N, C-alpha and C. Protein backbone atom coordinates (compact mmCIF):
# COMPACT_ATOMS: atom_id res chain seq x y z
N MET A 1 0.85 -1.17 0.00
CA MET A 1 0.00 0.00 0.00
C MET A 1 0.90 1.24 0.00
N ARG A 2 0.59 2.16 -0.92
CA ARG A 2 1.45 3.35 -1.09
C ARG A 2 0.62 4.61 -0.86
N PRO A 3 1.31 5.68 -0.44
CA PRO A 3 0.60 6.96 -0.27
C PRO A 3 -0.11 7.38 -1.54
N GLY A 4 -1.34 7.84 -1.36
CA GLY A 4 -2.16 8.28 -2.46
C GLY A 4 -3.11 7.23 -2.99
N GLU A 5 -2.92 5.98 -2.61
CA GLU A 5 -3.80 4.91 -3.08
C GLU A 5 -5.09 4.89 -2.28
N ILE A 6 -6.16 4.57 -2.99
CA ILE A 6 -7.46 4.35 -2.35
C ILE A 6 -7.75 2.86 -2.44
N HIS A 7 -8.06 2.27 -1.31
CA HIS A 7 -8.36 0.85 -1.22
C HIS A 7 -9.79 0.66 -0.70
N PHE A 8 -10.38 -0.46 -1.06
CA PHE A 8 -11.67 -0.83 -0.51
C PHE A 8 -11.47 -2.03 0.40
N HIS A 9 -11.92 -1.90 1.66
CA HIS A 9 -11.87 -2.99 2.62
C HIS A 9 -13.29 -3.51 2.76
N ARG A 10 -13.53 -4.68 2.24
CA ARG A 10 -14.91 -5.20 2.18
C ARG A 10 -15.46 -5.65 3.53
N ASN A 11 -14.62 -5.86 4.51
CA ASN A 11 -15.02 -6.31 5.85
C ASN A 11 -14.50 -5.37 6.93
N PHE A 12 -14.67 -4.06 6.75
CA PHE A 12 -14.06 -3.11 7.66
C PHE A 12 -14.75 -3.03 9.03
N TYR A 13 -16.09 -3.18 9.04
CA TYR A 13 -16.81 -3.10 10.31
C TYR A 13 -18.07 -3.97 10.24
N ILE A 14 -18.64 -4.23 11.39
CA ILE A 14 -19.87 -5.02 11.48
C ILE A 14 -21.03 -4.06 11.69
N ASP A 15 -22.06 -4.17 10.86
CA ASP A 15 -23.27 -3.39 10.97
C ASP A 15 -24.01 -3.84 12.22
N ARG A 16 -24.26 -2.92 13.14
CA ARG A 16 -24.91 -3.27 14.40
C ARG A 16 -26.36 -3.77 14.21
N GLU A 17 -27.02 -3.28 13.17
CA GLU A 17 -28.40 -3.68 12.94
C GLU A 17 -28.52 -5.07 12.31
N THR A 18 -27.64 -5.38 11.36
CA THR A 18 -27.76 -6.64 10.64
C THR A 18 -26.75 -7.69 11.08
N GLY A 19 -25.67 -7.28 11.73
CA GLY A 19 -24.61 -8.20 12.11
C GLY A 19 -23.72 -8.60 10.94
N GLU A 20 -23.92 -7.97 9.78
CA GLU A 20 -23.13 -8.27 8.61
C GLU A 20 -21.92 -7.34 8.50
N PHE A 21 -20.87 -7.86 7.87
CA PHE A 21 -19.71 -7.01 7.60
C PHE A 21 -20.06 -5.97 6.55
N ARG A 22 -19.49 -4.78 6.69
CA ARG A 22 -19.68 -3.69 5.74
C ARG A 22 -18.31 -3.19 5.30
N GLY A 23 -18.26 -2.66 4.12
CA GLY A 23 -17.03 -2.18 3.57
C GLY A 23 -16.82 -0.68 3.74
N LYS A 24 -15.57 -0.26 3.58
CA LYS A 24 -15.20 1.14 3.65
C LYS A 24 -14.06 1.38 2.67
N TYR A 25 -14.04 2.59 2.10
CA TYR A 25 -12.93 3.02 1.30
C TYR A 25 -11.97 3.77 2.21
N LEU A 26 -10.66 3.63 1.97
CA LEU A 26 -9.67 4.33 2.73
C LEU A 26 -8.57 4.83 1.81
N VAL A 27 -7.96 5.93 2.23
CA VAL A 27 -6.86 6.50 1.47
C VAL A 27 -5.59 6.41 2.29
N VAL A 28 -4.51 5.98 1.67
CA VAL A 28 -3.24 5.82 2.36
C VAL A 28 -2.52 7.19 2.36
N LEU A 29 -2.15 7.66 3.55
CA LEU A 29 -1.39 8.92 3.67
C LEU A 29 0.10 8.68 3.68
N ALA A 30 0.55 7.60 4.37
CA ALA A 30 1.99 7.35 4.51
C ALA A 30 2.23 5.95 5.02
N ARG A 31 3.46 5.50 4.81
CA ARG A 31 3.97 4.27 5.43
C ARG A 31 5.04 4.68 6.41
N LEU A 32 4.90 4.22 7.62
CA LEU A 32 5.88 4.57 8.66
C LEU A 32 7.09 3.66 8.56
N PRO A 33 8.24 4.05 9.11
CA PRO A 33 9.45 3.23 9.02
C PRO A 33 9.24 1.80 9.56
N GLY A 34 8.42 1.61 10.55
CA GLY A 34 8.17 0.28 11.09
C GLY A 34 7.21 -0.55 10.27
N GLY A 35 6.67 0.02 9.21
CA GLY A 35 5.75 -0.71 8.33
C GLY A 35 4.29 -0.37 8.50
N ASP A 36 3.92 0.33 9.58
CA ASP A 36 2.53 0.69 9.78
C ASP A 36 2.08 1.62 8.67
N ILE A 37 0.78 1.62 8.41
CA ILE A 37 0.18 2.43 7.35
C ILE A 37 -0.74 3.46 7.99
N VAL A 38 -0.49 4.74 7.66
CA VAL A 38 -1.34 5.83 8.13
C VAL A 38 -2.40 6.03 7.07
N PHE A 39 -3.66 5.97 7.45
CA PHE A 39 -4.73 6.12 6.48
C PHE A 39 -5.88 6.91 7.09
N ARG A 40 -6.79 7.34 6.27
CA ARG A 40 -8.03 7.99 6.67
C ARG A 40 -9.15 7.37 5.85
N LEU A 41 -10.34 7.34 6.45
CA LEU A 41 -11.53 6.80 5.79
C LEU A 41 -12.11 7.83 4.85
N LEU A 42 -12.82 7.33 3.85
CA LEU A 42 -13.55 8.19 2.93
C LEU A 42 -15.05 8.09 3.22
N THR A 43 -15.76 9.17 2.92
CA THR A 43 -17.21 9.17 3.12
C THR A 43 -17.88 9.98 2.02
N SER A 44 -19.09 9.62 1.68
CA SER A 44 -19.89 10.42 0.74
C SER A 44 -20.94 11.21 1.53
N ARG A 45 -20.92 11.10 2.83
CA ARG A 45 -21.88 11.83 3.67
C ARG A 45 -21.27 13.18 4.07
N GLN A 46 -21.93 14.23 3.63
CA GLN A 46 -21.40 15.57 3.86
C GLN A 46 -21.34 15.96 5.33
N HIS A 47 -22.40 15.74 6.08
CA HIS A 47 -22.46 16.03 7.52
C HIS A 47 -21.80 17.35 7.90
N GLY A 48 -22.17 18.44 7.22
CA GLY A 48 -21.66 19.75 7.54
C GLY A 48 -20.28 20.10 6.98
N ARG A 49 -19.69 19.15 6.27
CA ARG A 49 -18.37 19.44 5.65
C ARG A 49 -18.62 20.21 4.37
N PRO A 50 -17.92 21.32 4.15
CA PRO A 50 -18.12 22.07 2.91
C PRO A 50 -17.36 21.46 1.75
N GLU A 51 -17.77 21.85 0.52
CA GLU A 51 -17.01 21.50 -0.65
C GLU A 51 -15.92 22.54 -0.89
N ARG A 52 -16.25 23.81 -0.56
CA ARG A 52 -15.29 24.91 -0.70
C ARG A 52 -15.23 25.68 0.58
N PRO A 53 -14.08 25.95 1.12
CA PRO A 53 -12.82 25.40 0.69
C PRO A 53 -12.78 23.89 0.96
N PRO A 54 -11.96 23.17 0.22
CA PRO A 54 -11.96 21.71 0.38
C PRO A 54 -11.49 21.25 1.75
N CYS A 55 -10.59 22.00 2.40
CA CYS A 55 -10.08 21.62 3.70
C CYS A 55 -10.92 22.25 4.80
N TYR A 56 -11.45 21.44 5.72
CA TYR A 56 -12.30 21.93 6.77
C TYR A 56 -11.94 21.23 8.06
N HIS A 57 -11.59 22.02 9.10
CA HIS A 57 -11.23 21.44 10.38
C HIS A 57 -12.22 21.75 11.50
N GLY A 58 -13.41 22.19 11.13
CA GLY A 58 -14.41 22.59 12.11
C GLY A 58 -15.32 21.44 12.55
N ASP A 59 -16.31 21.81 13.31
CA ASP A 59 -17.31 20.86 13.80
C ASP A 59 -18.46 20.75 12.81
N PRO A 60 -19.18 19.66 12.72
CA PRO A 60 -19.02 18.54 13.62
C PRO A 60 -17.95 17.54 13.16
N TYR A 61 -17.59 17.57 11.87
CA TYR A 61 -16.61 16.61 11.37
C TYR A 61 -15.61 17.29 10.45
N PRO A 62 -14.32 17.20 10.75
CA PRO A 62 -13.33 17.76 9.82
C PRO A 62 -13.22 16.85 8.56
N GLY A 63 -12.91 17.49 7.47
CA GLY A 63 -12.81 16.70 6.25
C GLY A 63 -12.08 17.46 5.14
N PHE A 64 -11.75 16.71 4.10
CA PHE A 64 -11.15 17.30 2.90
C PHE A 64 -11.97 16.80 1.72
N TYR A 65 -12.52 17.74 0.96
CA TYR A 65 -13.37 17.37 -0.18
C TYR A 65 -12.52 17.00 -1.38
N LEU A 66 -12.70 15.75 -1.86
CA LEU A 66 -11.96 15.27 -3.02
C LEU A 66 -12.71 15.51 -4.33
N GLY A 67 -13.98 15.90 -4.24
CA GLY A 67 -14.80 15.97 -5.44
C GLY A 67 -15.30 14.57 -5.76
N ILE A 68 -15.46 14.28 -7.03
CA ILE A 68 -15.86 12.94 -7.47
C ILE A 68 -14.60 12.29 -8.06
N PRO A 69 -13.94 11.42 -7.25
CA PRO A 69 -12.65 10.88 -7.66
C PRO A 69 -12.67 10.03 -8.94
N GLY A 70 -13.78 9.40 -9.23
CA GLY A 70 -13.89 8.48 -10.37
C GLY A 70 -14.30 7.11 -9.93
N PRO A 71 -14.67 6.25 -10.90
CA PRO A 71 -15.18 4.93 -10.55
C PRO A 71 -14.22 4.16 -9.64
N PRO A 72 -14.71 3.52 -8.64
CA PRO A 72 -16.11 3.33 -8.25
C PRO A 72 -16.67 4.44 -7.36
N LEU A 73 -15.87 5.47 -7.06
CA LEU A 73 -16.34 6.59 -6.22
C LEU A 73 -17.00 7.62 -7.14
N ASP A 74 -18.33 7.45 -7.31
CA ASP A 74 -19.04 8.20 -8.31
C ASP A 74 -19.92 9.33 -7.76
N ARG A 75 -19.64 9.75 -6.53
CA ARG A 75 -20.33 10.93 -5.96
C ARG A 75 -19.37 11.70 -5.11
N GLY A 76 -19.81 12.90 -4.68
CA GLY A 76 -18.94 13.74 -3.87
C GLY A 76 -18.36 12.95 -2.71
N THR A 77 -17.04 13.08 -2.50
CA THR A 77 -16.33 12.27 -1.52
C THR A 77 -15.44 13.15 -0.65
N TRP A 78 -15.51 12.90 0.64
CA TRP A 78 -14.65 13.58 1.60
C TRP A 78 -13.72 12.60 2.27
N VAL A 79 -12.52 13.06 2.60
CA VAL A 79 -11.62 12.31 3.44
C VAL A 79 -12.00 12.73 4.88
N ASP A 80 -12.31 11.76 5.72
CA ASP A 80 -12.63 12.02 7.13
C ASP A 80 -11.30 12.26 7.82
N LEU A 81 -11.08 13.50 8.27
CA LEU A 81 -9.78 13.85 8.85
C LEU A 81 -9.63 13.50 10.32
N ARG A 82 -10.65 12.89 10.91
CA ARG A 82 -10.49 12.45 12.30
C ARG A 82 -9.48 11.30 12.33
N GLY A 83 -8.68 11.27 13.39
CA GLY A 83 -7.66 10.24 13.52
C GLY A 83 -8.28 8.86 13.66
N ILE A 84 -7.54 7.89 13.21
CA ILE A 84 -7.93 6.49 13.32
C ILE A 84 -6.64 5.69 13.54
N GLU A 85 -6.74 4.57 14.20
CA GLU A 85 -5.53 3.79 14.50
C GLU A 85 -4.82 3.39 13.23
N ASP A 86 -3.49 3.51 13.21
CA ASP A 86 -2.71 3.11 12.05
C ASP A 86 -2.92 1.61 11.78
N TYR A 87 -2.77 1.23 10.52
CA TYR A 87 -2.93 -0.14 10.10
C TYR A 87 -1.58 -0.85 10.16
N ASP A 88 -1.51 -1.94 10.85
CA ASP A 88 -0.30 -2.74 10.90
C ASP A 88 -0.02 -3.25 9.49
N GLY A 89 1.21 -3.05 9.00
CA GLY A 89 1.57 -3.44 7.64
C GLY A 89 1.37 -4.90 7.37
N ALA A 90 1.75 -5.77 8.31
CA ALA A 90 1.58 -7.21 8.12
C ALA A 90 0.12 -7.59 8.05
N SER A 91 -0.70 -6.95 8.87
CA SER A 91 -2.15 -7.22 8.86
C SER A 91 -2.76 -6.78 7.52
N ALA A 92 -2.32 -5.62 7.04
CA ALA A 92 -2.83 -5.13 5.74
C ALA A 92 -2.46 -6.08 4.64
N ALA A 93 -1.23 -6.59 4.65
CA ALA A 93 -0.79 -7.54 3.63
C ALA A 93 -1.65 -8.81 3.69
N GLY A 94 -1.97 -9.27 4.88
CA GLY A 94 -2.81 -10.45 5.04
C GLY A 94 -4.22 -10.19 4.50
N GLU A 95 -4.74 -9.00 4.77
CA GLU A 95 -6.08 -8.65 4.23
C GLU A 95 -6.07 -8.59 2.72
N GLN A 96 -4.96 -8.10 2.16
CA GLN A 96 -4.86 -8.07 0.69
C GLN A 96 -4.80 -9.51 0.13
N ASN A 97 -4.00 -10.36 0.75
CA ASN A 97 -3.87 -11.74 0.28
C ASN A 97 -5.18 -12.49 0.35
N ARG A 98 -6.03 -12.17 1.35
CA ARG A 98 -7.33 -12.83 1.48
C ARG A 98 -8.39 -12.19 0.60
N GLY A 99 -8.05 -11.12 -0.10
CA GLY A 99 -9.02 -10.45 -0.99
C GLY A 99 -9.96 -9.52 -0.28
N ASN A 100 -9.68 -9.22 1.00
CA ASN A 100 -10.53 -8.28 1.75
C ASN A 100 -10.18 -6.84 1.53
N LEU A 101 -9.01 -6.56 1.04
CA LEU A 101 -8.49 -5.20 0.86
C LEU A 101 -7.94 -5.09 -0.56
N THR A 102 -8.60 -4.27 -1.39
CA THR A 102 -8.20 -4.18 -2.79
C THR A 102 -7.97 -2.73 -3.22
N LEU A 103 -7.00 -2.53 -4.05
CA LEU A 103 -6.69 -1.24 -4.61
C LEU A 103 -7.76 -0.90 -5.64
N VAL A 104 -8.34 0.32 -5.55
CA VAL A 104 -9.34 0.73 -6.54
C VAL A 104 -8.86 1.90 -7.40
N MET A 105 -7.95 2.74 -6.88
CA MET A 105 -7.46 3.84 -7.66
C MET A 105 -6.31 4.52 -6.90
N THR A 106 -5.61 5.38 -7.61
CA THR A 106 -4.57 6.21 -7.00
C THR A 106 -4.92 7.67 -7.31
N LEU A 107 -4.88 8.49 -6.26
CA LEU A 107 -5.16 9.91 -6.43
C LEU A 107 -4.04 10.60 -7.20
N ASP A 108 -4.42 11.53 -8.05
CA ASP A 108 -3.46 12.37 -8.74
C ASP A 108 -2.72 13.20 -7.69
N SER A 109 -1.47 13.48 -7.92
CA SER A 109 -0.68 14.22 -6.93
C SER A 109 -1.23 15.63 -6.72
N ALA A 110 -1.90 16.22 -7.72
CA ALA A 110 -2.51 17.55 -7.56
C ALA A 110 -3.62 17.54 -6.52
N VAL A 111 -4.23 16.38 -6.28
CA VAL A 111 -5.26 16.23 -5.28
C VAL A 111 -4.64 15.69 -3.97
N PHE A 112 -3.74 14.71 -4.08
CA PHE A 112 -3.20 14.05 -2.92
C PHE A 112 -2.34 14.99 -2.05
N VAL A 113 -1.48 15.76 -2.66
CA VAL A 113 -0.55 16.59 -1.89
C VAL A 113 -1.27 17.58 -1.00
N PRO A 114 -2.26 18.38 -1.49
CA PRO A 114 -2.93 19.28 -0.59
C PRO A 114 -3.80 18.55 0.44
N MET A 115 -4.36 17.39 0.08
CA MET A 115 -5.14 16.62 1.02
C MET A 115 -4.27 16.13 2.14
N LYS A 116 -3.13 15.56 1.83
CA LYS A 116 -2.23 15.07 2.86
C LYS A 116 -1.74 16.21 3.76
N ALA A 117 -1.47 17.36 3.19
CA ALA A 117 -1.02 18.51 3.99
C ALA A 117 -2.08 18.97 4.98
N SER A 118 -3.36 18.69 4.69
CA SER A 118 -4.42 19.14 5.56
C SER A 118 -4.76 18.14 6.67
N ALA A 119 -4.27 16.90 6.49
CA ALA A 119 -4.66 15.81 7.39
C ALA A 119 -3.77 15.76 8.63
N PRO A 120 -4.40 15.56 9.79
CA PRO A 120 -3.58 15.27 10.97
C PRO A 120 -2.82 13.99 10.67
N PHE A 121 -1.52 14.02 10.74
CA PHE A 121 -0.68 12.94 10.19
C PHE A 121 -0.75 11.65 11.00
N PHE A 122 -0.59 11.75 12.27
CA PHE A 122 -0.51 10.52 13.07
C PHE A 122 -1.87 10.20 13.72
N SER A 123 -2.08 8.94 13.96
CA SER A 123 -3.32 8.50 14.59
C SER A 123 -3.46 9.11 15.97
N SER A 124 -4.65 9.00 16.51
CA SER A 124 -4.94 9.58 17.81
C SER A 124 -4.41 8.74 18.96
N ASN A 125 -3.75 7.62 18.66
CA ASN A 125 -3.21 6.75 19.73
C ASN A 125 -1.88 7.22 20.22
């Protein structure tokens, strides 16, 4: 997994109502020297996040508006800038080998560089 890549994790969380696994898209911000992967989740739910300016650090949810990145992300998409635990590199590799984590696209550097600059870099842990 490389910075700027967007991956789909088909079993990212369990839906509390149905008990079924649900997927999430995530964008890779960086790989740490120890192999961990810094990432942020993507969402199509605006929840008070503006499109302009694309970088928003206010309440209720900070985000960075990517626009419509392209298939399979075919609607307005924000990077959720709230911290999340880094992904262990070995675990991510295992998820890829099992087909649970797949590369769907790579962001153009004109989009990735300003997005990464706006993101809190390290997880909240």
